[in-house]
Amino acid sequence: MAALHGQQNVFYIPSSVEQEMSKHMFLSLPQEACGVMLGETAAGGIRISRFQPIRNVAPDPLHHFALDDAEWIRCIFSEPKLIGIFHSHPHTKPVPSLEDMQALPAFAGLLQIYLIGSPDLTTGLRSNMQLNGYQIESSKIPHDQSQDIVPSYNLLPVPLCVT
């Protein structure tokens, strides 16, 4: 969903969904947690209605995530609509890493939002999550000297509104 000229999108997320994501993240430690967000596009923002955890099958789940193919495919065809992906950074801030940006083209064409969570280490509690939201922006760029047009993806920070 593209922002209207001069208007910022917002991701609306129920506190119960945020709590599910946080619980999944803490239960997955020290590994990265992952899952998908289901919901709908609405005027001025995106409403997340459900979080679906997905098993992390990465060869090195302490530092990477890879969605289980069978679970991922089931979510593509589920209702409400698949709108985004979530994963955690167990030991770093919830900002896109180089690996996140390199993996983005594998699923970005299907998604609108990208959420990253991290344990909030400032409180000392093992139940608080820092959560950042990003809108997946796509653009078409010419590929080298050929006439092929290749999609390029970027992550733009978007405010989260927990309801």
C-alpha atoms as a PDB file:
ATOM      1  CA  MET A   1       0.000   0.000   0.000  1.00  0.00           C
ATOM      2  CA  ALA A   2       1.590   3.261  -1.055  1.00  0.00           C
ATOM      3  CA  ALA A   3       1.319   6.233   1.232  1.00  0.00           C
ATOM      4  CA  LEU A   4      -0.739   9.079  -0.082  1.00  0.00           C
ATOM      5  CA  HIS A   5       1.312  12.136  -0.954  1.00  0.00           C
ATOM      6  CA  GLY A   6       2.373  13.747   2.321  1.00  0.00           C
ATOM      7  CA  GLN A   7       0.594  11.128   4.448  1.00  0.00           C
ATOM      8  CA  GLN A   8       2.304   8.563   6.671  1.00  0.00           C
ATOM      9  CA  ASN A   9       1.051   4.987   6.862  1.00  0.00           C
ATOM     10  CA  VAL A  10       0.569   3.371  10.267  1.00  0.00           C
ATOM     11  CA  PHE A  11       0.541  -0.303  11.234  1.00  0.00           C
ATOM     12  CA  TYR A  12      -2.280  -1.028  13.687  1.00  0.00           C
ATOM     13  CA  ILE A  13      -1.660  -4.073  15.856  1.00  0.00           C
ATOM     14  CA  PRO A  14      -3.848  -5.381  18.706  1.00  0.00           C
ATOM     15  CA  SER A  15      -1.967  -5.733  22.000  1.00  0.00           C
ATOM     16  CA  SER A  16      -2.953  -9.425  22.087  1.00  0.00           C
ATOM     17  CA  VAL A  17      -1.162 -10.009  18.762  1.00  0.00           C
ATOM     18  CA  GLU A  18       1.916  -8.111  19.964  1.00  0.00           C
ATOM     19  CA  GLN A  19       1.915 -10.293  23.102  1.00  0.00           C
ATOM     20  CA  GLU A  20       1.754 -13.468  20.960  1.00  0.00           C
ATOM     21  CA  MET A  21       4.750 -12.283  18.951  1.00  0.00           C
ATOM     22  CA  SER A  22       6.678 -11.416  22.110  1.00  0.00           C
ATOM     23  CA  LYS A  23       5.904 -14.792  23.684  1.00  0.00           C
ATOM     24  CA  HIS A  24       7.017 -16.618  20.522  1.00  0.00           C
ATOM     25  CA  MET A  25      10.225 -14.572  20.427  1.00  0.00           C
ATOM     26  CA  PHE A  26      11.120 -15.289  24.069  1.00  0.00           C
ATOM     27  CA  LEU A  27      10.262 -19.004  23.760  1.00  0.00           C
ATOM     28  CA  SER A  28      12.543 -19.213  20.710  1.00  0.00           C
ATOM     29  CA  LEU A  29      15.597 -17.691  22.423  1.00  0.00           C
ATOM     30  CA  PRO A  30      18.487 -17.953  21.816  1.00  0.00           C
ATOM     31  CA  GLN A  31      17.369 -18.627  18.226  1.00  0.00           C
ATOM     32  CA  GLU A  32      15.687 -16.148  15.891  1.00  0.00           C
ATOM     33  CA  ALA A  33      11.907 -16.450  15.883  1.00  0.00           C
ATOM     34  CA  CYS A  34       9.836 -15.964  12.751  1.00  0.00           C
ATOM     35  CA  GLY A  35       6.246 -15.887  11.569  1.00  0.00           C
ATOM     36  CA  VAL A  36       3.775 -14.034   9.408  1.00  0.00           C
ATOM     37  CA  MET A  37       1.224 -11.301   9.926  1.00  0.00           C
ATOM     38  CA  LEU A  38      -2.313 -11.619   8.603  1.00  0.00           C
ATOM     39  CA  GLY A  39      -4.687  -8.696   8.199  1.00  0.00           C
ATOM     40  CA  GLU A  40      -5.958  -6.089   5.792  1.00  0.00           C
ATOM     41  CA  THR A  41      -5.096  -2.823   4.148  1.00  0.00           C
ATOM     42  CA  ALA A  42      -7.198   0.104   5.367  1.00  0.00           C
ATOM     43  CA  ALA A  43      -7.266   3.839   4.658  1.00  0.00           C
ATOM     44  CA  GLY A  44      -4.129   5.402   6.109  1.00  0.00           C
ATOM     45  CA  GLY A  45      -2.618   2.170   7.328  1.00  0.00           C
ATOM     46  CA  ILE A  46      -2.524  -1.581   7.632  1.00  0.00           C
ATOM     47  CA  ARG A  47      -4.481  -3.488  10.271  1.00  0.00           C
ATOM     48  CA  ILE A  48      -2.802  -6.610  11.580  1.00  0.00           C
ATOM     49  CA  SER A  49      -5.357  -9.080  12.905  1.00  0.00           C
ATOM     50  CA  ARG A  50      -3.344 -12.243  13.505  1.00  0.00           C
ATOM     51  CA  PHE A  51       0.172 -13.569  14.009  1.00  0.00           C
ATOM     52  CA  GLN A  52       1.053 -17.052  12.796  1.00  0.00           C
ATOM     53  CA  PRO A  53       4.363 -18.433  14.122  1.00  0.00           C
ATOM     54  CA  ILE A  54       6.394 -20.401  11.579  1.00  0.00           C
ATOM     55  CA  ARG A  55       9.216 -22.781  12.386  1.00  0.00           C
ATOM     56  CA  ASN A  56      12.709 -21.391  11.737  1.00  0.00           C
ATOM     57  CA  VAL A  57      14.548 -23.988   9.622  1.00  0.00           C
ATOM     58  CA  ALA A  58      17.717 -21.948   8.966  1.00  0.00           C
ATOM     59  CA  PRO A  59      20.963 -23.937   9.144  1.00  0.00           C
ATOM     60  CA  ASP A  60      22.199 -21.353  11.693  1.00  0.00           C
ATOM     61  CA  PRO A  61      19.021 -20.292  13.564  1.00  0.00           C
ATOM     62  CA  LEU A  62      21.060 -18.373  16.153  1.00  0.00           C
ATOM     63  CA  HIS A  63      21.860 -15.721  13.531  1.00  0.00           C
ATOM     64  CA  HIS A  64      19.440 -16.246  10.619  1.00  0.00           C
ATOM     65  CA  PHE A  65      15.876 -17.224   9.875  1.00  0.00           C
ATOM     66  CA  ALA A  66      14.316 -19.307   7.134  1.00  0.00           C
ATOM     67  CA  LEU A  67      10.597 -20.044   7.049  1.00  0.00           C
ATOM     68  CA  ASP A  68       9.498 -23.668   6.934  1.00  0.00           C
ATOM     69  CA  ASP A  69       8.274 -24.088   3.328  1.00  0.00           C
ATOM     70  CA  ALA A  70       5.114 -26.097   4.121  1.00  0.00           C
ATOM     71  CA  GLU A  71       3.986 -23.665   6.842  1.00  0.00           C
ATOM     72  CA  TRP A  72       4.813 -20.654   4.628  1.00  0.00           C
ATOM     73  CA  ILE A  73       2.776 -22.017   1.703  1.00  0.00           C
ATOM     74  CA  ARG A  74      -0.250 -22.667   3.954  1.00  0.00           C
ATOM     75  CA  CYS A  75      -0.112 -19.027   5.113  1.00  0.00           C
ATOM     76  CA  ILE A  76       0.002 -17.687   1.553  1.00  0.00           C
ATOM     77  CA  PHE A  77      -3.471 -19.125   0.950  1.00  0.00           C
ATOM     78  CA  SER A  78      -4.963 -18.366   4.358  1.00  0.00           C
ATOM     79  CA  GLU A  79      -7.593 -15.875   5.422  1.00  0.00           C
ATOM     80  CA  PRO A  80      -7.296 -13.168   6.537  1.00  0.00           C
ATOM     81  CA  LYS A  81      -4.808 -12.094   3.910  1.00  0.00           C
ATOM     82  CA  LEU A  82      -1.048 -12.551   4.333  1.00  0.00           C
ATOM     83  CA  ILE A  83       0.362  -9.023   4.694  1.00  0.00           C
ATOM     84  CA  GLY A  84       3.737  -9.292   6.350  1.00  0.00           C
ATOM     85  CA  ILE A  85       6.550 -11.137   8.012  1.00  0.00           C
ATOM     86  CA  PHE A  86       8.003 -11.009  11.516  1.00  0.00           C
ATOM     87  CA  HIS A  87      11.335 -12.174  12.808  1.00  0.00           C
ATOM     88  CA  SER A  88      13.506 -11.430  15.795  1.00  0.00           C
ATOM     89  CA  HIS A  89      17.030 -10.280  16.422  1.00  0.00           C
ATOM     90  CA  PRO A  90      17.860 -11.963  19.759  1.00  0.00           C
ATOM     91  CA  HIS A  91      21.063 -10.004  20.429  1.00  0.00           C
ATOM     92  CA  THR A  92      20.790  -6.806  18.387  1.00  0.00           C
ATOM     93  CA  LYS A  93      18.399  -3.918  17.877  1.00  0.00           C
ATOM     94  CA  PRO A  94      15.233  -4.473  15.783  1.00  0.00           C
ATOM     95  CA  VAL A  95      16.578  -2.817  12.634  1.00  0.00           C
ATOM     96  CA  PRO A  96      17.112  -4.458   9.227  1.00  0.00           C
ATOM     97  CA  SER A  97      20.447  -6.228   8.944  1.00  0.00           C
ATOM     98  CA  LEU A  98      22.433  -6.760   5.755  1.00  0.00           C
ATOM     99  CA  GLU A  99      21.162 -10.373   5.720  1.00  0.00           C
ATOM    100  CA  ASP A 100      17.562  -9.133   6.042  1.00  0.00           C
ATOM    101  CA  MET A 101      17.996  -6.863   3.023  1.00  0.00           C
ATOM    102  CA  GLN A 102      19.648  -9.618   0.973  1.00  0.00           C
ATOM    103  CA  ALA A 103      16.815 -12.078   1.742  1.00  0.00           C
ATOM    104  CA  LEU A 104      14.019  -9.548   1.147  1.00  0.00           C
ATOM    105  CA  PRO A 105      13.505 -10.240  -2.604  1.00  0.00           C
ATOM    106  CA  ALA A 106      12.624 -13.889  -1.867  1.00  0.00           C
ATOM    107  CA  PHE A 107       9.229 -12.925  -0.437  1.00  0.00           C
ATOM    108  CA  ALA A 108       8.831  -9.146  -0.704  1.00  0.00           C
ATOM    109  CA  GLY A 109       6.609  -9.344  -3.791  1.00  0.00           C
ATOM    110  CA  LEU A 110       3.908 -11.018  -1.666  1.00  0.00           C
ATOM    111  CA  LEU A 111       4.151  -8.779   1.395  1.00  0.00           C
ATOM    112  CA  GLN A 112       3.582  -5.191   2.463  1.00  0.00           C
ATOM    113  CA  ILE A 113       5.071  -5.097   5.966  1.00  0.00           C
ATOM    114  CA  TYR A 114       8.205  -6.312   7.711  1.00  0.00           C
ATOM    115  CA  LEU A 115       8.346  -6.422  11.517  1.00  0.00           C
ATOM    116  CA  ILE A 116      11.463  -6.992  13.598  1.00  0.00           C
ATOM    117  CA  GLY A 117      11.432  -7.630  17.337  1.00  0.00           C
ATOM    118  CA  SER A 118      14.211  -7.732  19.919  1.00  0.00           C
ATOM    119  CA  PRO A 119      14.298  -8.367  23.643  1.00  0.00           C
ATOM    120  CA  ASP A 120      14.210  -5.024  25.449  1.00  0.00           C
ATOM    121  CA  LEU A 121      17.461  -5.342  27.347  1.00  0.00           C
ATOM    122  CA  THR A 122      17.092  -1.915  28.992  1.00  0.00           C
ATOM    123  CA  THR A 123      14.436  -3.102  31.468  1.00  0.00           C
ATOM    124  CA  GLY A 124      16.079  -6.323  32.612  1.00  0.00           C
ATOM    125  CA  LEU A 125      12.720  -8.106  32.222  1.00  0.00           C
ATOM    126  CA  ARG A 126      12.471 -11.159  29.978  1.00  0.00           C
ATOM    127  CA  SER A 127       9.021 -10.218  28.778  1.00  0.00           C
ATOM    128  CA  ASN A 128       9.395  -6.840  27.066  1.00  0.00           C
ATOM    129  CA  MET A 129       9.911  -6.678  23.316  1.00  0.00           C
ATOM    130  CA  GLN A 130      11.105  -3.774  21.215  1.00  0.00           C
ATOM    131  CA  LEU A 131       9.172  -3.923  17.938  1.00  0.00           C
ATOM    132  CA  ASN A 132       9.857  -1.921  14.781  1.00  0.00           C
ATOM    133  CA  GLY A 133       7.706  -1.862  11.651  1.00  0.00           C
ATOM    134  CA  TYR A 134       8.804  -1.301   8.075  1.00  0.00           C
ATOM    135  CA  GLN A 135       6.844  -0.924   4.865  1.00  0.00           C
ATOM    136  CA  ILE A 136       8.229  -2.885   1.945  1.00  0.00           C
ATOM    137  CA  GLU A 137       8.774  -0.484  -0.939  1.00  0.00           C
ATOM    138  CA  SER A 138       9.426  -1.834  -4.405  1.00  0.00           C
ATOM    139  CA  SER A 139      10.810  -0.113  -7.448  1.00  0.00           C
ATOM    140  CA  LYS A 140      11.888  -1.269 -10.879  1.00  0.00           C
ATOM    141  CA  ILE A 141      15.448  -0.642 -11.964  1.00  0.00           C
ATOM    142  CA  PRO A 142      17.211  -1.457 -15.238  1.00  0.00           C
ATOM    143  CA  HIS A 143      19.525  -4.459 -14.898  1.00  0.00           C
ATOM    144  CA  ASP A 144      23.026  -3.483 -16.052  1.00  0.00           C
ATOM    145  CA  GLN A 145      23.219  -2.982 -19.809  1.00  0.00           C
ATOM    146  CA  SER A 146      20.322  -5.239 -20.762  1.00  0.00           C
ATOM    147  CA  GLN A 147      16.752  -4.078 -21.227  1.00  0.00           C
ATOM    148  CA  ASP A 148      15.519  -6.274 -18.359  1.00  0.00           C
ATOM    149  CA  ILE A 149      13.785  -4.506 -15.512  1.00  0.00           C
ATOM    150  CA  VAL A 150      14.552  -5.995 -12.081  1.00  0.00           C
ATOM    151  CA  PRO A 151      12.515  -5.237  -8.956  1.00  0.00           C
ATOM    152  CA  SER A 152      14.402  -3.634  -6.095  1.00  0.00           C
ATOM    153  CA  TYR A 153      13.135  -3.537  -2.510  1.00  0.00           C
ATOM    154  CA  ASN A 154      13.666  -1.204   0.401  1.00  0.00           C
ATOM    155  CA  LEU A 155      12.334  -1.067   3.973  1.00  0.00           C
ATOM    156  CA  LEU A 156      10.855   2.233   5.148  1.00  0.00           C
ATOM    157  CA  PRO A 157      10.194   2.767   8.882  1.00  0.00           C
ATOM    158  CA  VAL A 158       6.478   3.065   9.728  1.00  0.00           C
ATOM    159  CA  PRO A 159       4.917   3.862  13.121  1.00  0.00           C
ATOM    160  CA  LEU A 160       3.231   1.032  15.026  1.00  0.00           C
ATOM    161  CA  CYS A 161       0.004   1.758  16.876  1.00  0.00           C
ATOM    162  CA  VAL A 162      -0.733  -0.917  19.488  1.00  0.00           C
ATOM    163  CA  THR A 163      -4.465  -0.962  20.259  1.00  0.00           C
END
